[in-house]
Amino acid sequence: MTSGEQREARDGILQRVRALGGRKDPYAGADKVNAARAVAGLWVLSAVITAAFLPLDPPTVAIGSAGWAVGAAVVLAALVGARWLLRRDPPLDFDGLLLISYLGLVQVGLLQWLAGGVGADYEELYFLWIASAMGVHPPARALTFLLVAGLAAFAPLGYDGWSDDGVEIATDYVLWAAVGFALVGLMTYVRAQRVRLQAGEEEARQLALADPLTNLGNRRAFDQALGGEIARVRRAESTMSVALVDL
């Protein structure tokens, strides 16, 4: 390959990187399968911690003994939901994963209300769902989720009244936000790297299938196309023809 062709190939790679980096898809470079596994894992962890908290901080303040049934239902629903998420094929899309994280906030808020509101141990579970959202979703959605999580965490001060626990909630929220911002920065960097690698792999694949002089498909491209066509006609139980022209 001449120096001019090398420059053209390099420029093509850079153009693809810029195009991929500027695409409107906010999830460019994200791995949907691993994201679903991470959310399912946090769902299971939330269920396990909730089950451990139930005897330590009984959910009986708001509605009496019926709170035990609600708490048990929350734990069971979390385990069933995590199993469904892991077994789903194709994996749940990112909008669905974000919805699950919001449902997690509702779950924690419900448990906190059942256990008496301000000072209930279930407040600590907000951190899991903040991690699930800020480690999976792009900055705009992650920051929106962080704000909503803050409103949910401070909500007990609204129906129970202000107390010294408000300072503790604020301290916890600052720590959650700090970890969340670190996750957003890390995942943004990882996804940018994945986009660059994908662009380079695609460019290398195109160069491997094209003749550098004519830019026409080479023998590799022919073998690849032929294999695809053979597989297609076998599925369709049809026939195919191949024409060879010598120029």
Protein backbone atom coordinates (compact mmCIF):
# COMPACT_ATOMS: atom_id res chain seq x y z
CA MET A 1 0.00 0.00 0.00
CA THR A 2 1.44 3.40 -1.01
CA SER A 3 1.79 6.34 1.36
CA GLY A 4 -1.18 8.02 -0.34
CA GLU A 5 -3.36 4.98 0.21
CA GLN A 6 -2.21 4.79 3.82
CA ARG A 7 -3.23 8.40 4.34
CA GLU A 8 -6.62 7.72 2.75
CA ALA A 9 -7.17 4.72 5.02
CA ARG A 10 -6.13 6.73 8.09
CA ASP A 11 -8.42 9.61 7.11
CA GLY A 12 -11.27 7.15 6.61
CA ILE A 13 -10.78 5.77 10.13
CA LEU A 14 -10.78 9.27 11.61
CA GLN A 15 -13.93 10.17 9.71
CA ARG A 16 -15.68 7.08 11.05
CA VAL A 17 -14.61 7.88 14.60
CA ARG A 18 -15.95 11.41 14.27
CA ALA A 19 -19.19 10.15 12.76
CA LEU A 20 -19.66 7.57 15.48
CA GLY A 21 -18.71 10.01 18.20
CA GLY A 22 -21.19 12.57 16.89
CA ARG A 23 -24.10 10.24 16.33
CA LYS A 24 -27.32 11.05 18.12
CA ASP A 25 -27.55 7.66 19.82
CA PRO A 26 -26.71 8.44 23.50
CA TYR A 27 -25.96 4.76 24.12
CA ALA A 28 -23.24 4.45 21.45
CA GLY A 29 -20.64 1.99 22.72
CA ALA A 30 -22.89 0.61 25.47
CA ASP A 31 -23.27 -3.14 26.00
CA LYS A 32 -26.96 -3.95 26.43
CA VAL A 33 -26.40 -7.53 27.59
CA ASN A 34 -23.94 -6.63 30.35
CA ALA A 35 -26.07 -3.64 31.36
CA ALA A 36 -29.06 -5.94 31.84
CA ARG A 37 -26.93 -8.33 33.89
CA ALA A 38 -25.72 -5.49 36.10
CA VAL A 39 -29.26 -4.22 36.77
CA ALA A 40 -30.46 -7.78 37.48
CA GLY A 41 -27.57 -8.27 39.90
CA LEU A 42 -28.41 -5.06 41.75
CA TRP A 43 -32.05 -6.14 41.86
CA VAL A 44 -31.03 -9.40 43.56
CA LEU A 45 -28.75 -7.53 45.96
CA SER A 46 -31.58 -5.15 46.81
CA ALA A 47 -33.86 -8.11 47.55
CA VAL A 48 -31.25 -9.77 49.80
CA ILE A 49 -30.57 -6.58 51.76
CA THR A 50 -34.28 -5.88 52.09
CA ALA A 51 -34.86 -9.38 53.46
CA ALA A 52 -32.08 -8.79 56.00
CA PHE A 53 -33.53 -5.40 57.02
CA LEU A 54 -37.11 -6.62 57.52
CA PRO A 55 -36.57 -8.19 60.98
CA LEU A 56 -34.19 -5.38 62.02
CA ASP A 57 -36.48 -2.55 60.94
CA PRO A 58 -40.02 -4.03 60.77
CA PRO A 59 -42.29 -2.47 58.11
CA THR A 60 -45.19 -2.22 60.54
CA VAL A 61 -45.32 1.46 61.50
CA ALA A 62 -47.58 2.70 58.70
CA ILE A 63 -50.09 -0.16 58.25
CA GLY A 64 -49.37 -2.56 61.07
CA SER A 65 -48.72 -6.26 60.54
CA ALA A 66 -49.88 -6.04 56.92
CA GLY A 67 -46.52 -4.40 56.23
CA TRP A 68 -44.85 -7.81 56.53
CA ALA A 69 -46.84 -9.06 53.56
CA VAL A 70 -45.93 -6.00 51.53
CA GLY A 71 -42.25 -6.36 52.42
CA ALA A 72 -42.25 -10.04 51.48
CA ALA A 73 -43.99 -9.21 48.20
CA VAL A 74 -41.32 -6.61 47.40
CA VAL A 75 -38.53 -9.14 47.99
CA LEU A 76 -40.25 -11.83 45.92
CA ALA A 77 -41.04 -9.42 43.07
CA ALA A 78 -37.40 -8.29 42.97
CA LEU A 79 -36.11 -11.87 42.70
CA VAL A 80 -38.66 -12.84 40.05
CA GLY A 81 -37.94 -9.65 38.11
CA ALA A 82 -34.18 -10.26 38.19
CA ARG A 83 -34.64 -13.83 36.93
CA TRP A 84 -36.91 -12.60 34.13
CA LEU A 85 -34.40 -9.94 33.17
CA LEU A 86 -31.53 -12.44 32.98
CA ARG A 87 -33.52 -14.98 30.94
CA ARG A 88 -35.05 -12.48 28.54
CA ASP A 89 -34.04 -12.93 24.90
CA PRO A 90 -33.48 -10.46 23.32
CA PRO A 91 -32.23 -8.43 26.30
CA LEU A 92 -34.37 -5.57 27.57
CA ASP A 93 -33.68 -2.24 25.90
CA PHE A 94 -32.18 0.72 27.75
CA ASP A 95 -35.53 2.45 28.23
CA GLY A 96 -36.78 -0.65 30.02
CA LEU A 97 -33.67 -0.81 32.20
CA LEU A 98 -34.15 2.83 33.17
CA LEU A 99 -37.77 2.12 34.06
CA ILE A 100 -36.64 -0.72 36.35
CA SER A 101 -34.31 1.69 38.16
CA TYR A 102 -37.19 4.11 38.71
CA LEU A 103 -39.31 1.24 40.00
CA GLY A 104 -36.45 0.52 42.42
CA LEU A 105 -36.82 4.05 43.83
CA VAL A 106 -40.54 3.44 44.32
CA GLN A 107 -39.78 0.15 46.08
CA VAL A 108 -37.34 1.81 48.50
CA GLY A 109 -39.70 4.71 49.15
CA LEU A 110 -42.52 2.29 49.94
CA LEU A 111 -40.41 0.28 52.38
CA GLN A 112 -39.19 3.45 54.08
CA TRP A 113 -42.75 4.69 54.52
CA LEU A 114 -43.87 1.32 55.94
CA ALA A 115 -40.98 1.40 58.45
CA GLY A 116 -41.76 4.87 59.73
CA GLY A 117 -40.20 7.24 57.21
CA VAL A 118 -37.30 9.34 58.46
CA GLY A 119 -34.53 7.24 59.97
CA ALA A 120 -35.64 3.92 58.44
CA ASP A 121 -32.76 1.71 57.37
CA TYR A 122 -34.18 1.12 53.89
CA GLU A 123 -32.98 4.58 52.86
CA GLU A 124 -29.53 3.09 52.20
CA LEU A 125 -30.95 1.09 49.28
CA TYR A 126 -31.27 4.28 47.23
CA PHE A 127 -27.55 4.01 46.55
CA LEU A 128 -27.98 0.71 44.65
CA TRP A 129 -30.48 2.22 42.24
CA ILE A 130 -28.42 5.38 41.77
CA ALA A 131 -25.50 3.13 40.83
CA SER A 132 -27.70 1.15 38.42
CA ALA A 133 -28.81 4.29 36.60
CA MET A 134 -25.58 6.28 36.58
CA GLY A 135 -23.48 3.26 35.63
CA VAL A 136 -25.67 2.32 32.67
CA HIS A 137 -27.28 5.43 31.19
CA PRO A 138 -25.81 8.54 29.50
CA PRO A 139 -25.15 11.71 31.54
CA ALA A 140 -28.44 13.51 30.84
CA ARG A 141 -30.59 10.59 31.95
CA ALA A 142 -28.25 9.71 34.82
CA LEU A 143 -28.37 13.23 36.27
CA THR A 144 -32.17 13.35 35.97
CA PHE A 145 -32.34 10.07 37.85
CA LEU A 146 -30.02 11.43 40.54
CA LEU A 147 -32.31 14.41 41.09
CA VAL A 148 -35.41 12.20 41.30
CA ALA A 149 -33.59 9.90 43.75
CA GLY A 150 -32.79 12.95 45.88
CA LEU A 151 -36.45 13.95 45.98
CA ALA A 152 -37.38 10.42 46.99
CA ALA A 153 -34.72 10.32 49.73
CA PHE A 154 -35.87 13.63 51.23
CA ALA A 155 -39.59 12.85 50.85
CA PRO A 156 -39.97 11.47 54.42
CA LEU A 157 -39.04 14.91 55.75
CA GLY A 158 -42.15 16.16 53.98
CA TYR A 159 -44.64 13.80 55.62
CA ASP A 160 -42.81 13.33 58.93
CA GLY A 161 -41.51 16.86 59.39
CA TRP A 162 -37.95 18.13 59.62
CA SER A 163 -35.58 16.48 62.09
CA ASP A 164 -31.87 16.06 62.70
CA ASP A 165 -31.99 13.06 60.37
CA GLY A 166 -32.25 15.53 57.49
CA VAL A 167 -28.55 16.30 57.86
CA GLU A 168 -27.72 12.59 57.69
CA ILE A 169 -29.84 12.19 54.56
CA ALA A 170 -28.07 15.15 52.95
CA THR A 171 -24.66 13.67 53.82
CA ASP A 172 -25.61 10.30 52.38
CA TYR A 173 -26.96 11.95 49.24
CA VAL A 174 -23.72 13.84 48.64
CA LEU A 175 -21.76 10.58 48.91
CA TRP A 176 -24.17 8.81 46.55
CA ALA A 177 -23.86 11.65 44.06
CA ALA A 178 -20.05 11.58 44.22
CA VAL A 179 -19.94 7.86 43.45
CA GLY A 180 -22.57 8.35 40.75
CA PHE A 181 -20.56 11.05 39.00
CA ALA A 182 -17.49 8.80 39.10
CA LEU A 183 -19.51 6.00 37.46
CA VAL A 184 -20.80 8.34 34.76
CA GLY A 185 -17.27 9.54 33.97
CA LEU A 186 -15.89 6.01 33.88
CA MET A 187 -18.63 4.64 31.64
CA THR A 188 -18.44 7.63 29.30
CA TYR A 189 -14.72 6.96 28.83
CA VAL A 190 -15.25 3.22 28.33
CA ARG A 191 -17.97 3.78 25.74
CA ALA A 192 -15.86 6.29 23.83
CA GLN A 193 -13.08 3.70 23.68
CA ARG A 194 -15.50 1.06 22.43
CA VAL A 195 -16.76 3.39 19.70
CA ARG A 196 -13.19 4.04 18.53
CA LEU A 197 -12.39 0.32 18.51
CA GLN A 198 -15.56 -0.46 16.58
CA ALA A 199 -14.68 2.22 14.02
CA GLY A 200 -11.17 0.81 13.61
CA GLU A 201 -12.44 -2.76 13.30
CA GLU A 202 -14.98 -1.77 10.67
CA GLU A 203 -12.39 0.15 8.68
CA ALA A 204 -9.94 -2.76 8.87
CA ARG A 205 -12.66 -5.15 7.74
CA GLN A 206 -13.51 -2.96 4.76
CA LEU A 207 -9.85 -2.66 3.78
CA ALA A 208 -9.43 -6.44 4.02
CA LEU A 209 -12.32 -6.99 1.60
CA ALA A 210 -11.39 -4.40 -1.04
CA ASP A 211 -8.70 -4.23 -3.71
CA PRO A 212 -6.55 -1.15 -2.87
CA LEU A 213 -6.14 -0.16 -6.53
CA THR A 214 -9.72 -0.42 -7.82
CA ASN A 215 -11.58 -0.39 -4.48
CA LEU A 216 -13.58 -3.36 -5.77
CA GLY A 217 -14.29 -6.45 -3.71
CA ASN A 218 -11.43 -8.98 -3.60
CA ARG A 219 -11.39 -12.77 -3.21
CA ARG A 220 -12.24 -12.52 0.50
CA ALA A 221 -15.29 -10.42 -0.31
CA PHE A 222 -16.32 -12.94 -2.97
CA ASP A 223 -15.98 -15.91 -0.59
CA GLN A 224 -17.94 -14.07 2.09
CA ALA A 225 -20.72 -13.09 -0.30
CA LEU A 226 -20.83 -16.59 -1.79
CA GLY A 227 -21.13 -18.20 1.64
CA GLY A 228 -23.99 -15.87 2.54
CA GLU A 229 -25.83 -16.59 -0.69
CA ILE A 230 -25.43 -20.35 -0.31
CA ALA A 231 -26.87 -20.15 3.19
CA ARG A 232 -29.76 -18.03 1.92
CA VAL A 233 -30.76 -20.37 -0.93
CA ARG A 234 -30.56 -23.35 1.42
CA ARG A 235 -32.96 -21.68 3.82
CA ALA A 236 -35.27 -20.72 0.99
CA GLU A 237 -34.83 -24.12 -0.73
CA SER A 238 -34.10 -22.21 -3.93
CA THR A 239 -31.32 -22.13 -6.52
CA MET A 240 -28.57 -19.71 -7.45
CA SER A 241 -26.29 -18.98 -10.38
CA VAL A 242 -22.69 -17.75 -10.50
CA ALA A 243 -21.33 -15.95 -13.57
CA LEU A 244 -17.58 -15.64 -14.14
CA VAL A 245 -16.39 -12.84 -16.45
CA ASP A 246 -12.71 -12.48 -17.34
CA LEU A 247 -11.74 -8.88 -18.19
